[in-house]
Amino acid sequence: MNTEIVELLREFQPANKPLPGAGMAKFMERRGRRILTAAGARWHSVAGRFYMAFPYHITLDGRNEEIRSLIRGASAFGARYQSRATPGLSSGIYVRRNRNYAISSVDVRQRSRVRRGLERCRVDVVDPDVLLTEGLELNRGTMDRQGRFDPEFGDPDGWRRLVMAVRSTREITAWGAFFEDRLAAYMITCREDGWLHILHQMSHMDLLEHHPNHALTFTVTRSAMEDPKITAVCYGTQALVATGGLHEYKKRFGYEFLPSYSAIQLHPAMAGVLASRPVVSAVKRLRALRPRDQRLERISSVLDGAAASRSAVHSVPILVRRGNLADRISG
């Protein structure tokens, strides 16, 4: 990996400091995620008995045995983390650290949408009661457009639990763009350790013409860069599945894309089977038949990442039941 990029990532991770992400850990735990600590990082569970290292800007290297121990001890299917050196999927994070942020920081192709969004929409902190009552429709519409479904955002009970976690966690704030007092788009952010993390963003299909996302992204980013206690904004990592124009969208708002690897380790008892030719061939055939199925795309990415991370070694044979592979990896 490019030496300059490695140094850029290293400067965000000072040595001999407490583990970052205590506030994010509380938020995840209150949503029902299991929180673990291993290999110098915090980890939260996701669907499919997978674990992800967080906060998402940190990178881990050279502690594979500790990660394998985490997977075994948690009876997890696998773990995913950002790395500078461990081979994996091509990935990266979106970061803004230049404090001079104004409309001129936005790509010229995006500026007219930002201006129209700011003219038509009011951006403000969202009251949790409003988020609870209006957010579910935004969630379902956004997931429909993306061809996916997450019960935490789509089911009333899951959504209520998430909103209660927003309400009870000091580091978490929901920002919204309102068009004529209707919630047109929202963001859930986490502010701690000198960072602002943009965790989730959803929008109302019927109000997209008023550019609420553009107003929201610009206002939240500008507000963070004006805060002397914030050194950088993280707009997430590159997703495992294709996300349309999100990569360009974030870059056009003045975010740097800092490349890294998304390393994936699978449970030793699973890795050998999943790396086998029959399973890999079956996934490829299914993807060819259903090219828009995000679950299959995620499965394929996980298998590719695990192979590149050299995790499919010293495995023992297991029985993979029909449907089990998709259910476990799809998170």
C-alpha atoms as a PDB file:
ATOM      1  CA  MET A   1       0.000   0.000   0.000  1.00  0.00           C
ATOM      2  CA  ASN A   2       1.143   3.554  -0.726  1.00  0.00           C
ATOM      3  CA  THR A   3       3.442   4.790   2.100  1.00  0.00           C
ATOM      4  CA  GLU A   4       1.745   8.200   2.258  1.00  0.00           C
ATOM      5  CA  ILE A   5      -1.656   6.575   2.782  1.00  0.00           C
ATOM      6  CA  VAL A   6      -0.273   4.368   5.552  1.00  0.00           C
ATOM      7  CA  GLU A   7       1.051   7.448   7.349  1.00  0.00           C
ATOM      8  CA  LEU A   8      -2.258   9.267   6.949  1.00  0.00           C
ATOM      9  CA  LEU A   9      -4.078   6.367   8.585  1.00  0.00           C
ATOM     10  CA  ARG A  10      -1.465   5.976  11.320  1.00  0.00           C
ATOM     11  CA  GLU A  11      -1.791   9.598  12.436  1.00  0.00           C
ATOM     12  CA  PHE A  12      -5.405   8.914  13.365  1.00  0.00           C
ATOM     13  CA  GLN A  13      -4.330   6.136  15.764  1.00  0.00           C
ATOM     14  CA  PRO A  14      -1.980   7.485  18.457  1.00  0.00           C
ATOM     15  CA  ALA A  15      -0.203   4.776  20.446  1.00  0.00           C
ATOM     16  CA  ASN A  16      -0.666   4.095  24.165  1.00  0.00           C
ATOM     17  CA  LYS A  17      -4.151   5.573  24.412  1.00  0.00           C
ATOM     18  CA  PRO A  18      -7.340   3.995  25.766  1.00  0.00           C
ATOM     19  CA  LEU A  19      -9.459   2.143  23.266  1.00  0.00           C
ATOM     20  CA  PRO A  20     -11.621   4.610  21.321  1.00  0.00           C
ATOM     21  CA  GLY A  21     -15.313   4.167  20.776  1.00  0.00           C
ATOM     22  CA  ALA A  22     -16.782   3.909  24.292  1.00  0.00           C
ATOM     23  CA  GLY A  23     -19.832   5.960  23.312  1.00  0.00           C
ATOM     24  CA  MET A  24     -20.379   4.023  20.109  1.00  0.00           C
ATOM     25  CA  ALA A  25     -20.103   0.815  22.143  1.00  0.00           C
ATOM     26  CA  LYS A  26     -22.914   1.983  24.456  1.00  0.00           C
ATOM     27  CA  PHE A  27     -25.053   2.839  21.456  1.00  0.00           C
ATOM     28  CA  MET A  28     -24.466  -0.534  19.825  1.00  0.00           C
ATOM     29  CA  GLU A  29     -25.107  -2.434  23.043  1.00  0.00           C
ATOM     30  CA  ARG A  30     -28.378  -0.580  23.656  1.00  0.00           C
ATOM     31  CA  ARG A  31     -29.461  -1.588  20.158  1.00  0.00           C
ATOM     32  CA  GLY A  32     -28.924  -5.218  21.110  1.00  0.00           C
ATOM     33  CA  ARG A  33     -25.445  -5.741  19.693  1.00  0.00           C
ATOM     34  CA  ARG A  34     -22.900  -7.783  21.643  1.00  0.00           C
ATOM     35  CA  ILE A  35     -19.671  -5.878  22.386  1.00  0.00           C
ATOM     36  CA  LEU A  36     -16.264  -7.571  22.676  1.00  0.00           C
ATOM     37  CA  THR A  37     -12.665  -6.380  23.001  1.00  0.00           C
ATOM     38  CA  ALA A  38      -9.772  -8.053  21.181  1.00  0.00           C
ATOM     39  CA  ALA A  39      -6.635  -7.252  19.195  1.00  0.00           C
ATOM     40  CA  GLY A  40      -6.535  -3.693  20.521  1.00  0.00           C
ATOM     41  CA  ALA A  41     -10.038  -2.806  19.330  1.00  0.00           C
ATOM     42  CA  ARG A  42     -13.708  -2.976  20.202  1.00  0.00           C
ATOM     43  CA  TRP A  43     -16.002  -5.209  18.157  1.00  0.00           C
ATOM     44  CA  HIS A  44     -19.771  -5.262  17.737  1.00  0.00           C
ATOM     45  CA  SER A  45     -21.931  -8.083  16.479  1.00  0.00           C
ATOM     46  CA  VAL A  46     -23.914  -7.831  13.268  1.00  0.00           C
ATOM     47  CA  ALA A  47     -26.488 -10.154  11.744  1.00  0.00           C
ATOM     48  CA  GLY A  48     -25.218 -13.579  10.780  1.00  0.00           C
ATOM     49  CA  ARG A  49     -22.968 -14.036  13.848  1.00  0.00           C
ATOM     50  CA  PHE A  50     -20.323 -11.750  12.391  1.00  0.00           C
ATOM     51  CA  TYR A  51     -18.307  -9.129  14.279  1.00  0.00           C
ATOM     52  CA  MET A  52     -16.949  -5.802  13.045  1.00  0.00           C
ATOM     53  CA  ALA A  53     -14.115  -3.760  14.549  1.00  0.00           C
ATOM     54  CA  PHE A  54     -14.995  -0.181  15.445  1.00  0.00           C
ATOM     55  CA  PRO A  55     -14.764   2.808  15.371  1.00  0.00           C
ATOM     56  CA  TYR A  56     -14.521   2.252  11.655  1.00  0.00           C
ATOM     57  CA  HIS A  57     -11.511   4.494  11.036  1.00  0.00           C
ATOM     58  CA  ILE A  58      -9.127   2.282  13.047  1.00  0.00           C
ATOM     59  CA  THR A  59      -6.944  -0.287  11.293  1.00  0.00           C
ATOM     60  CA  LEU A  60      -5.631  -3.558  12.734  1.00  0.00           C
ATOM     61  CA  ASP A  61      -2.539  -5.471  11.655  1.00  0.00           C
ATOM     62  CA  GLY A  62      -0.545  -8.460  12.789  1.00  0.00           C
ATOM     63  CA  ARG A  63      -2.911  -9.829  15.456  1.00  0.00           C
ATOM     64  CA  ASN A  64      -4.594 -12.632  13.573  1.00  0.00           C
ATOM     65  CA  GLU A  65      -4.423 -15.127  16.439  1.00  0.00           C
ATOM     66  CA  GLU A  66      -6.232 -12.736  18.768  1.00  0.00           C
ATOM     67  CA  ILE A  67      -8.956 -12.293  16.166  1.00  0.00           C
ATOM     68  CA  ARG A  68      -9.237 -16.051  15.706  1.00  0.00           C
ATOM     69  CA  SER A  69      -9.588 -16.366  19.486  1.00  0.00           C
ATOM     70  CA  LEU A  70     -12.384 -13.772  19.419  1.00  0.00           C
ATOM     71  CA  ILE A  71     -14.194 -15.748  16.724  1.00  0.00           C
ATOM     72  CA  ARG A  72     -13.869 -19.029  18.611  1.00  0.00           C
ATOM     73  CA  GLY A  73     -14.751 -17.588  22.004  1.00  0.00           C
ATOM     74  CA  ALA A  74     -17.858 -15.831  20.692  1.00  0.00           C
ATOM     75  CA  SER A  75     -18.926 -18.837  18.574  1.00  0.00           C
ATOM     76  CA  ALA A  76     -18.967 -16.336  15.737  1.00  0.00           C
ATOM     77  CA  PHE A  77     -19.096 -17.094  12.044  1.00  0.00           C
ATOM     78  CA  GLY A  78     -16.370 -14.566  11.302  1.00  0.00           C
ATOM     79  CA  ALA A  79     -14.946 -11.082  11.780  1.00  0.00           C
ATOM     80  CA  ARG A  80     -14.282  -8.105   9.538  1.00  0.00           C
ATOM     81  CA  TYR A  81     -11.835  -5.251  10.128  1.00  0.00           C
ATOM     82  CA  GLN A  82      -9.958  -2.517   8.290  1.00  0.00           C
ATOM     83  CA  SER A  83      -6.268  -3.208   7.752  1.00  0.00           C
ATOM     84  CA  ARG A  84      -3.286  -1.459   6.202  1.00  0.00           C
ATOM     85  CA  ALA A  85      -1.289  -4.606   5.525  1.00  0.00           C
ATOM     86  CA  THR A  86      -3.417  -7.744   5.927  1.00  0.00           C
ATOM     87  CA  PRO A  87      -4.679  -8.715   2.463  1.00  0.00           C
ATOM     88  CA  GLY A  88      -8.406  -8.497   1.910  1.00  0.00           C
ATOM     89  CA  LEU A  89     -11.011  -6.750  -0.174  1.00  0.00           C
ATOM     90  CA  SER A  90     -10.080  -3.402  -1.622  1.00  0.00           C
ATOM     91  CA  SER A  91     -11.721  -0.924   0.745  1.00  0.00           C
ATOM     92  CA  GLY A  92     -11.194   2.379   2.517  1.00  0.00           C
ATOM     93  CA  ILE A  93     -12.756   5.129   4.616  1.00  0.00           C
ATOM     94  CA  TYR A  94     -14.191   8.524   3.737  1.00  0.00           C
ATOM     95  CA  VAL A  95     -12.660  11.300   5.841  1.00  0.00           C
ATOM     96  CA  ARG A  96     -12.921  15.077   6.024  1.00  0.00           C
ATOM     97  CA  ARG A  97     -10.208  16.777   8.078  1.00  0.00           C
ATOM     98  CA  ASN A  98      -9.681  20.134   6.368  1.00  0.00           C
ATOM     99  CA  ARG A  99     -11.419  22.708   8.578  1.00  0.00           C
ATOM    100  CA  ASN A 100     -11.933  25.201   5.766  1.00  0.00           C
ATOM    101  CA  TYR A 101     -15.316  23.913   4.683  1.00  0.00           C
ATOM    102  CA  ALA A 102     -17.713  25.971   2.586  1.00  0.00           C
ATOM    103  CA  ILE A 103     -19.759  25.632  -0.601  1.00  0.00           C
ATOM    104  CA  SER A 104     -16.475  25.984  -2.501  1.00  0.00           C
ATOM    105  CA  SER A 105     -15.331  22.705  -0.869  1.00  0.00           C
ATOM    106  CA  VAL A 106     -18.118  20.881  -2.706  1.00  0.00           C
ATOM    107  CA  ASP A 107     -17.598  19.664  -6.258  1.00  0.00           C
ATOM    108  CA  VAL A 108     -18.995  22.124  -8.774  1.00  0.00           C
ATOM    109  CA  ARG A 109     -21.386  19.453 -10.085  1.00  0.00           C
ATOM    110  CA  GLN A 110     -22.971  19.196  -6.643  1.00  0.00           C
ATOM    111  CA  ARG A 111     -23.207  22.843  -5.624  1.00  0.00           C
ATOM    112  CA  SER A 112     -26.533  23.689  -7.252  1.00  0.00           C
ATOM    113  CA  ARG A 113     -28.203  20.766  -5.476  1.00  0.00           C
ATOM    114  CA  VAL A 114     -26.703  21.852  -2.160  1.00  0.00           C
ATOM    115  CA  ARG A 115     -27.943  25.415  -2.641  1.00  0.00           C
ATOM    116  CA  ARG A 116     -31.445  24.267  -3.570  1.00  0.00           C
ATOM    117  CA  GLY A 117     -31.504  21.895  -0.616  1.00  0.00           C
ATOM    118  CA  LEU A 118     -30.455  24.663   1.774  1.00  0.00           C
ATOM    119  CA  GLU A 119     -33.103  26.985   0.323  1.00  0.00           C
ATOM    120  CA  ARG A 120     -35.924  24.468   0.627  1.00  0.00           C
ATOM    121  CA  CYS A 121     -34.982  22.485   3.739  1.00  0.00           C
ATOM    122  CA  ARG A 122     -34.343  23.335   7.364  1.00  0.00           C
ATOM    123  CA  VAL A 123     -31.547  21.290   8.968  1.00  0.00           C
ATOM    124  CA  ASP A 124     -31.750  20.739  12.709  1.00  0.00           C
ATOM    125  CA  VAL A 125     -31.398  18.136  15.452  1.00  0.00           C
ATOM    126  CA  VAL A 126     -34.281  15.651  15.283  1.00  0.00           C
ATOM    127  CA  ASP A 127     -36.322  15.031  18.411  1.00  0.00           C
ATOM    128  CA  PRO A 128     -36.358  11.253  19.087  1.00  0.00           C
ATOM    129  CA  ASP A 129     -40.174  11.272  19.167  1.00  0.00           C
ATOM    130  CA  VAL A 130     -40.226  12.699  15.638  1.00  0.00           C
ATOM    131  CA  LEU A 131     -37.570  10.219  14.526  1.00  0.00           C
ATOM    132  CA  LEU A 132     -39.627   7.363  15.931  1.00  0.00           C
ATOM    133  CA  THR A 133     -42.900   8.358  14.257  1.00  0.00           C
ATOM    134  CA  GLU A 134     -41.583   9.602  10.908  1.00  0.00           C
ATOM    135  CA  GLY A 135     -38.324   7.725  10.429  1.00  0.00           C
ATOM    136  CA  LEU A 136     -39.758   4.285   9.739  1.00  0.00           C
ATOM    137  CA  GLU A 137     -41.237   5.406   6.413  1.00  0.00           C
ATOM    138  CA  LEU A 138     -37.875   6.889   5.372  1.00  0.00           C
ATOM    139  CA  ASN A 139     -36.105   3.673   6.340  1.00  0.00           C
ATOM    140  CA  ARG A 140     -38.404   1.441   4.353  1.00  0.00           C
ATOM    141  CA  GLY A 141     -38.305   3.686   1.299  1.00  0.00           C
ATOM    142  CA  THR A 142     -34.500   3.902   1.352  1.00  0.00           C
ATOM    143  CA  MET A 143     -34.102   0.141   1.736  1.00  0.00           C
ATOM    144  CA  ASP A 144     -36.589  -0.490  -1.079  1.00  0.00           C
ATOM    145  CA  ARG A 145     -34.512   1.726  -3.380  1.00  0.00           C
ATOM    146  CA  GLN A 146     -31.371  -0.155  -2.369  1.00  0.00           C
ATOM    147  CA  GLY A 147     -32.927  -3.604  -2.743  1.00  0.00           C
ATOM    148  CA  ARG A 148     -32.400  -4.715   0.848  1.00  0.00           C
ATOM    149  CA  PHE A 149     -34.200  -5.052   4.182  1.00  0.00           C
ATOM    150  CA  ASP A 150     -32.842  -4.679   7.714  1.00  0.00           C
ATOM    151  CA  PRO A 151     -35.370  -5.462  10.466  1.00  0.00           C
ATOM    152  CA  GLU A 152     -33.666  -3.026  12.821  1.00  0.00           C
ATOM    153  CA  PHE A 153     -34.767  -0.224  10.487  1.00  0.00           C
ATOM    154  CA  GLY A 154     -37.826  -1.822   8.900  1.00  0.00           C
ATOM    155  CA  ASP A 155     -39.703  -3.461  11.789  1.00  0.00           C
ATOM    156  CA  PRO A 156     -41.472  -1.221  14.320  1.00  0.00           C
ATOM    157  CA  ASP A 157     -39.999  -3.004  17.345  1.00  0.00           C
ATOM    158  CA  GLY A 158     -36.455  -2.917  16.011  1.00  0.00           C
ATOM    159  CA  TRP A 159     -36.793   0.732  15.034  1.00  0.00           C
ATOM    160  CA  ARG A 160     -38.201   1.663  18.455  1.00  0.00           C
ATOM    161  CA  ARG A 161     -35.237   0.028  20.167  1.00  0.00           C
ATOM    162  CA  LEU A 162     -32.761   1.870  17.953  1.00  0.00           C
ATOM    163  CA  VAL A 163     -34.429   5.230  18.585  1.00  0.00           C
ATOM    164  CA  MET A 164     -34.388   4.563  22.331  1.00  0.00           C
ATOM    165  CA  ALA A 165     -30.651   3.932  22.017  1.00  0.00           C
ATOM    166  CA  VAL A 166     -30.281   7.296  20.250  1.00  0.00           C
ATOM    167  CA  ARG A 167     -32.235   8.982  23.045  1.00  0.00           C
ATOM    168  CA  SER A 168     -30.205   7.429  25.872  1.00  0.00           C
ATOM    169  CA  THR A 169     -26.658   7.766  24.475  1.00  0.00           C
ATOM    170  CA  ARG A 170     -25.010  11.136  25.033  1.00  0.00           C
ATOM    171  CA  GLU A 171     -22.558  10.768  22.149  1.00  0.00           C
ATOM    172  CA  ILE A 172     -25.291  10.053  19.592  1.00  0.00           C
ATOM    173  CA  THR A 173     -27.243  12.768  17.764  1.00  0.00           C
ATOM    174  CA  ALA A 174     -29.857  12.516  15.027  1.00  0.00           C
ATOM    175  CA  TRP A 175     -29.841  15.350  12.478  1.00  0.00           C
ATOM    176  CA  GLY A 176     -32.677  15.937  10.070  1.00  0.00           C
ATOM    177  CA  ALA A 177     -33.522  17.909   6.951  1.00  0.00           C
ATOM    178  CA  PHE A 178     -37.145  19.108   7.096  1.00  0.00           C
ATOM    179  CA  PHE A 179     -39.224  20.181   4.127  1.00  0.00           C
ATOM    180  CA  GLU A 180     -42.297  22.107   5.260  1.00  0.00           C
ATOM    181  CA  ASP A 181     -41.971  20.472   8.694  1.00  0.00           C
ATOM    182  CA  ARG A 182     -41.848  16.971   7.204  1.00  0.00           C
ATOM    183  CA  LEU A 183     -38.771  14.877   7.926  1.00  0.00           C
ATOM    184  CA  ALA A 184     -37.229  14.494   4.467  1.00  0.00           C
ATOM    185  CA  ALA A 185     -33.889  12.943   5.458  1.00  0.00           C
ATOM    186  CA  TYR A 186     -31.998  12.111   8.629  1.00  0.00           C
ATOM    187  CA  MET A 187     -28.516  11.176   9.824  1.00  0.00           C
ATOM    188  CA  ILE A 188     -27.446   9.398  13.002  1.00  0.00           C
ATOM    189  CA  THR A 189     -24.014  10.573  14.153  1.00  0.00           C
ATOM    190  CA  CYS A 190     -21.596   9.722  16.944  1.00  0.00           C
ATOM    191  CA  ARG A 191     -19.338  12.423  18.384  1.00  0.00           C
ATOM    192  CA  GLU A 192     -16.393  11.265  20.511  1.00  0.00           C
ATOM    193  CA  ASP A 193     -12.600  10.982  20.661  1.00  0.00           C
ATOM    194  CA  GLY A 194     -12.209  14.015  18.408  1.00  0.00           C
ATOM    195  CA  TRP A 195     -14.240  12.432  15.600  1.00  0.00           C
ATOM    196  CA  LEU A 196     -17.718  12.784  14.196  1.00  0.00           C
ATOM    197  CA  HIS A 197     -18.915   9.499  12.716  1.00  0.00           C
ATOM    198  CA  ILE A 198     -21.831   9.510  10.285  1.00  0.00           C
ATOM    199  CA  LEU A 199     -23.373   6.112  11.009  1.00  0.00           C
ATOM    200  CA  HIS A 200     -26.704   6.009   9.159  1.00  0.00           C
ATOM    201  CA  GLN A 201     -28.521   8.157   6.607  1.00  0.00           C
ATOM    202  CA  MET A 202     -32.048   7.673   5.221  1.00  0.00           C
ATOM    203  CA  SER A 203     -34.364   9.816   3.115  1.00  0.00           C
ATOM    204  CA  HIS A 204     -37.978  10.100   1.955  1.00  0.00           C
ATOM    205  CA  MET A 205     -38.513   8.991  -1.631  1.00  0.00           C
ATOM    206  CA  ASP A 206     -41.244  11.549  -2.316  1.00  0.00           C
ATOM    207  CA  LEU A 207     -39.089  14.478  -1.137  1.00  0.00           C
ATOM    208  CA  LEU A 208     -35.790  13.719  -2.895  1.00  0.00           C
ATOM    209  CA  GLU A 209     -36.482  16.427  -5.484  1.00  0.00           C
ATOM    210  CA  HIS A 210     -35.894  19.000  -2.738  1.00  0.00           C
ATOM    211  CA  HIS A 211     -32.355  17.637  -2.149  1.00  0.00           C
ATOM    212  CA  PRO A 212     -32.615  17.030   1.609  1.00  0.00           C
ATOM    213  CA  ASN A 213     -29.582  14.712   1.620  1.00  0.00           C
ATOM    214  CA  HIS A 214     -27.416  17.398   0.050  1.00  0.00           C
ATOM    215  CA  ALA A 215     -28.514  19.995   2.605  1.00  0.00           C
ATOM    216  CA  LEU A 216     -27.989  17.527   5.436  1.00  0.00           C
ATOM    217  CA  THR A 217     -24.532  16.311   4.393  1.00  0.00           C
ATOM    218  CA  PHE A 218     -23.259  19.833   3.807  1.00  0.00           C
ATOM    219  CA  THR A 219     -24.652  21.294   7.047  1.00  0.00           C
ATOM    220  CA  VAL A 220     -23.491  18.470   9.318  1.00  0.00           C
ATOM    221  CA  THR A 221     -20.016  18.445   7.760  1.00  0.00           C
ATOM    222  CA  ARG A 222     -19.659  22.225   8.004  1.00  0.00           C
ATOM    223  CA  SER A 223     -20.856  22.220  11.621  1.00  0.00           C
ATOM    224  CA  ALA A 224     -18.312  19.553  12.548  1.00  0.00           C
ATOM    225  CA  MET A 225     -15.445  21.382  10.862  1.00  0.00           C
ATOM    226  CA  GLU A 226     -16.349  24.551  12.795  1.00  0.00           C
ATOM    227  CA  ASP A 227     -16.151  22.655  16.099  1.00  0.00           C
ATOM    228  CA  PRO A 228     -12.637  22.997  17.587  1.00  0.00           C
ATOM    229  CA  LYS A 229     -13.070  19.693  19.438  1.00  0.00           C
ATOM    230  CA  ILE A 230     -13.582  17.760  16.182  1.00  0.00           C
ATOM    231  CA  THR A 231     -10.453  16.883  14.222  1.00  0.00           C
ATOM    232  CA  ALA A 232     -12.081  14.797  11.489  1.00  0.00           C
ATOM    233  CA  VAL A 233     -15.373  13.445  10.165  1.00  0.00           C
ATOM    234  CA  CYS A 234     -15.694   9.808   9.103  1.00  0.00           C
ATOM    235  CA  TYR A 235     -18.411   9.178   6.529  1.00  0.00           C
ATOM    236  CA  GLY A 236     -18.136   5.397   6.864  1.00  0.00           C
ATOM    237  CA  THR A 237     -16.254   2.666   5.053  1.00  0.00           C
ATOM    238  CA  GLN A 238     -16.634   1.384   1.535  1.00  0.00           C
ATOM    239  CA  ALA A 239     -19.515  -1.101   1.568  1.00  0.00           C
ATOM    240  CA  LEU A 240     -19.267  -4.809   0.767  1.00  0.00           C
ATOM    241  CA  VAL A 241     -21.962  -4.411  -1.880  1.00  0.00           C
ATOM    242  CA  ALA A 242     -22.296  -1.969  -4.745  1.00  0.00           C
ATOM    243  CA  THR A 243     -23.935   1.233  -3.516  1.00  0.00           C
ATOM    244  CA  GLY A 244     -24.663   3.086  -6.724  1.00  0.00           C
ATOM    245  CA  GLY A 245     -23.186   6.578  -6.657  1.00  0.00           C
ATOM    246  CA  LEU A 246     -22.377   6.783  -2.925  1.00  0.00           C
ATOM    247  CA  HIS A 247     -18.617   6.736  -3.512  1.00  0.00           C
ATOM    248  CA  GLU A 248     -18.760   9.736  -5.832  1.00  0.00           C
ATOM    249  CA  TYR A 249     -21.403  11.436  -3.693  1.00  0.00           C
ATOM    250  CA  LYS A 250     -19.115  11.466  -0.658  1.00  0.00           C
ATOM    251  CA  LYS A 251     -16.040  12.526  -2.602  1.00  0.00           C
ATOM    252  CA  ARG A 252     -17.938  15.398  -4.198  1.00  0.00           C
ATOM    253  CA  PHE A 253     -18.693  16.720  -0.722  1.00  0.00           C
ATOM    254  CA  GLY A 254     -14.984  17.146  -0.088  1.00  0.00           C
ATOM    255  CA  TYR A 255     -14.263  13.832   1.635  1.00  0.00           C
ATOM    256  CA  GLU A 256     -10.956  12.083   1.056  1.00  0.00           C
ATOM    257  CA  PHE A 257     -11.047   8.390   0.278  1.00  0.00           C
ATOM    258  CA  LEU A 258      -8.205   6.730   2.180  1.00  0.00           C
ATOM    259  CA  PRO A 259      -7.708   3.220   0.750  1.00  0.00           C
ATOM    260  CA  SER A 260      -7.166   0.246   3.016  1.00  0.00           C
ATOM    261  CA  TYR A 261      -8.119  -3.424   3.031  1.00  0.00           C
ATOM    262  CA  SER A 262     -11.269  -4.976   4.439  1.00  0.00           C
ATOM    263  CA  ALA A 263      -9.828  -8.121   5.998  1.00  0.00           C
ATOM    264  CA  ILE A 264     -12.209 -10.974   6.758  1.00  0.00           C
ATOM    265  CA  GLN A 265     -11.518 -13.990   8.916  1.00  0.00           C
ATOM    266  CA  LEU A 266     -13.912 -16.907   9.133  1.00  0.00           C
ATOM    267  CA  HIS A 267     -14.241 -19.469  11.893  1.00  0.00           C
ATOM    268  CA  PRO A 268     -11.603 -22.181  11.271  1.00  0.00           C
ATOM    269  CA  ALA A 269     -14.321 -24.850  11.200  1.00  0.00           C
ATOM    270  CA  MET A 270     -16.094 -22.986   8.383  1.00  0.00           C
ATOM    271  CA  ALA A 271     -13.274 -21.572   6.306  1.00  0.00           C
ATOM    272  CA  GLY A 272     -12.212 -24.712   4.483  1.00  0.00           C
ATOM    273  CA  VAL A 273     -15.715 -25.596   3.333  1.00  0.00           C
ATOM    274  CA  LEU A 274     -16.553 -22.072   2.227  1.00  0.00           C
ATOM    275  CA  ALA A 275     -13.307 -21.841   0.269  1.00  0.00           C
ATOM    276  CA  SER A 276     -14.023 -25.118  -1.481  1.00  0.00           C
ATOM    277  CA  ARG A 277     -14.661 -25.191  -5.208  1.00  0.00           C
ATOM    278  CA  PRO A 278     -18.268 -26.463  -4.987  1.00  0.00           C
ATOM    279  CA  VAL A 279     -19.370 -23.657  -2.667  1.00  0.00           C
ATOM    280  CA  VAL A 280     -17.572 -20.917  -4.590  1.00  0.00           C
ATOM    281  CA  SER A 281     -18.935 -22.225  -7.879  1.00  0.00           C
ATOM    282  CA  ALA A 282     -22.454 -22.415  -6.469  1.00  0.00           C
ATOM    283  CA  VAL A 283     -22.314 -18.805  -5.290  1.00  0.00           C
ATOM    284  CA  LYS A 284     -21.068 -17.655  -8.696  1.00  0.00           C
ATOM    285  CA  ARG A 285     -23.887 -19.505 -10.466  1.00  0.00           C
ATOM    286  CA  LEU A 286     -26.482 -18.017  -8.140  1.00  0.00           C
ATOM    287  CA  ARG A 287     -25.075 -14.513  -8.632  1.00  0.00           C
ATOM    288  CA  ALA A 288     -25.270 -14.928 -12.405  1.00  0.00           C
ATOM    289  CA  LEU A 289     -28.937 -15.873 -12.082  1.00  0.00           C
ATOM    290  CA  ARG A 290     -29.750 -13.112  -9.584  1.00  0.00           C
ATOM    291  CA  PRO A 291     -27.312 -10.260 -10.265  1.00  0.00           C
ATOM    292  CA  ARG A 292     -29.310  -7.715  -8.219  1.00  0.00           C
ATOM    293  CA  ASP A 293     -29.518  -9.856  -5.078  1.00  0.00           C
ATOM    294  CA  GLN A 294     -27.497  -7.941  -2.489  1.00  0.00           C
ATOM    295  CA  ARG A 295     -27.355 -10.895  -0.134  1.00  0.00           C
ATOM    296  CA  LEU A 296     -25.602 -13.024  -2.747  1.00  0.00           C
ATOM    297  CA  GLU A 297     -23.290 -10.120  -3.580  1.00  0.00           C
ATOM    298  CA  ARG A 298     -22.395  -9.835   0.109  1.00  0.00           C
ATOM    299  CA  ILE A 299     -21.752 -13.580   0.345  1.00  0.00           C
ATOM    300  CA  SER A 300     -19.454 -13.422  -2.677  1.00  0.00           C
ATOM    301  CA  SER A 301     -17.576 -10.448  -1.216  1.00  0.00           C
ATOM    302  CA  VAL A 302     -17.131 -12.194   2.127  1.00  0.00           C
ATOM    303  CA  LEU A 303     -15.731 -15.311   0.480  1.00  0.00           C
ATOM    304  CA  ASP A 304     -13.383 -13.248  -1.695  1.00  0.00           C
ATOM    305  CA  GLY A 305     -12.241 -11.225   1.308  1.00  0.00           C
ATOM    306  CA  ALA A 306     -11.680 -14.314   3.433  1.00  0.00           C
ATOM    307  CA  ALA A 307      -9.624 -15.949   0.691  1.00  0.00           C
ATOM    308  CA  ALA A 308      -7.524 -12.820   0.188  1.00  0.00           C
ATOM    309  CA  SER A 309      -7.004 -12.525   3.958  1.00  0.00           C
ATOM    310  CA  ARG A 310      -5.649 -16.096   3.974  1.00  0.00           C
ATOM    311  CA  SER A 311      -8.098 -17.144   6.652  1.00  0.00           C
ATOM    312  CA  ALA A 312      -9.286 -20.358   5.006  1.00  0.00           C
ATOM    313  CA  VAL A 313      -6.575 -22.575   6.498  1.00  0.00           C
ATOM    314  CA  HIS A 314      -6.351 -25.447   8.998  1.00  0.00           C
ATOM    315  CA  SER A 315     -10.089 -26.053   8.761  1.00  0.00           C
ATOM    316  CA  VAL A 316     -12.113 -29.182   9.483  1.00  0.00           C
ATOM    317  CA  PRO A 317     -15.041 -30.438   7.405  1.00  0.00           C
ATOM    318  CA  ILE A 318     -18.527 -29.329   8.476  1.00  0.00           C
ATOM    319  CA  LEU A 319     -22.034 -29.740   7.154  1.00  0.00           C
ATOM    320  CA  VAL A 320     -23.424 -26.599   5.488  1.00  0.00           C
ATOM    321  CA  ARG A 321     -27.210 -26.876   5.403  1.00  0.00           C
ATOM    322  CA  ARG A 322     -29.254 -25.484   2.557  1.00  0.00           C
ATOM    323  CA  GLY A 323     -29.909 -21.780   3.167  1.00  0.00           C
ATOM    324  CA  ASN A 324     -27.488 -21.616   6.076  1.00  0.00           C
ATOM    325  CA  LEU A 325     -24.711 -19.946   4.116  1.00  0.00           C
ATOM    326  CA  ALA A 326     -26.861 -17.012   3.015  1.00  0.00           C
ATOM    327  CA  ASP A 327     -28.422 -16.556   6.439  1.00  0.00           C
ATOM    328  CA  ARG A 328     -25.084 -16.425   8.210  1.00  0.00           C
ATOM    329  CA  ILE A 329     -23.139 -14.225   5.830  1.00  0.00           C
ATOM    330  CA  SER A 330     -25.915 -11.821   4.898  1.00  0.00           C
ATOM    331  CA  GLY A 331     -25.246  -9.586   7.913  1.00  0.00           C
END
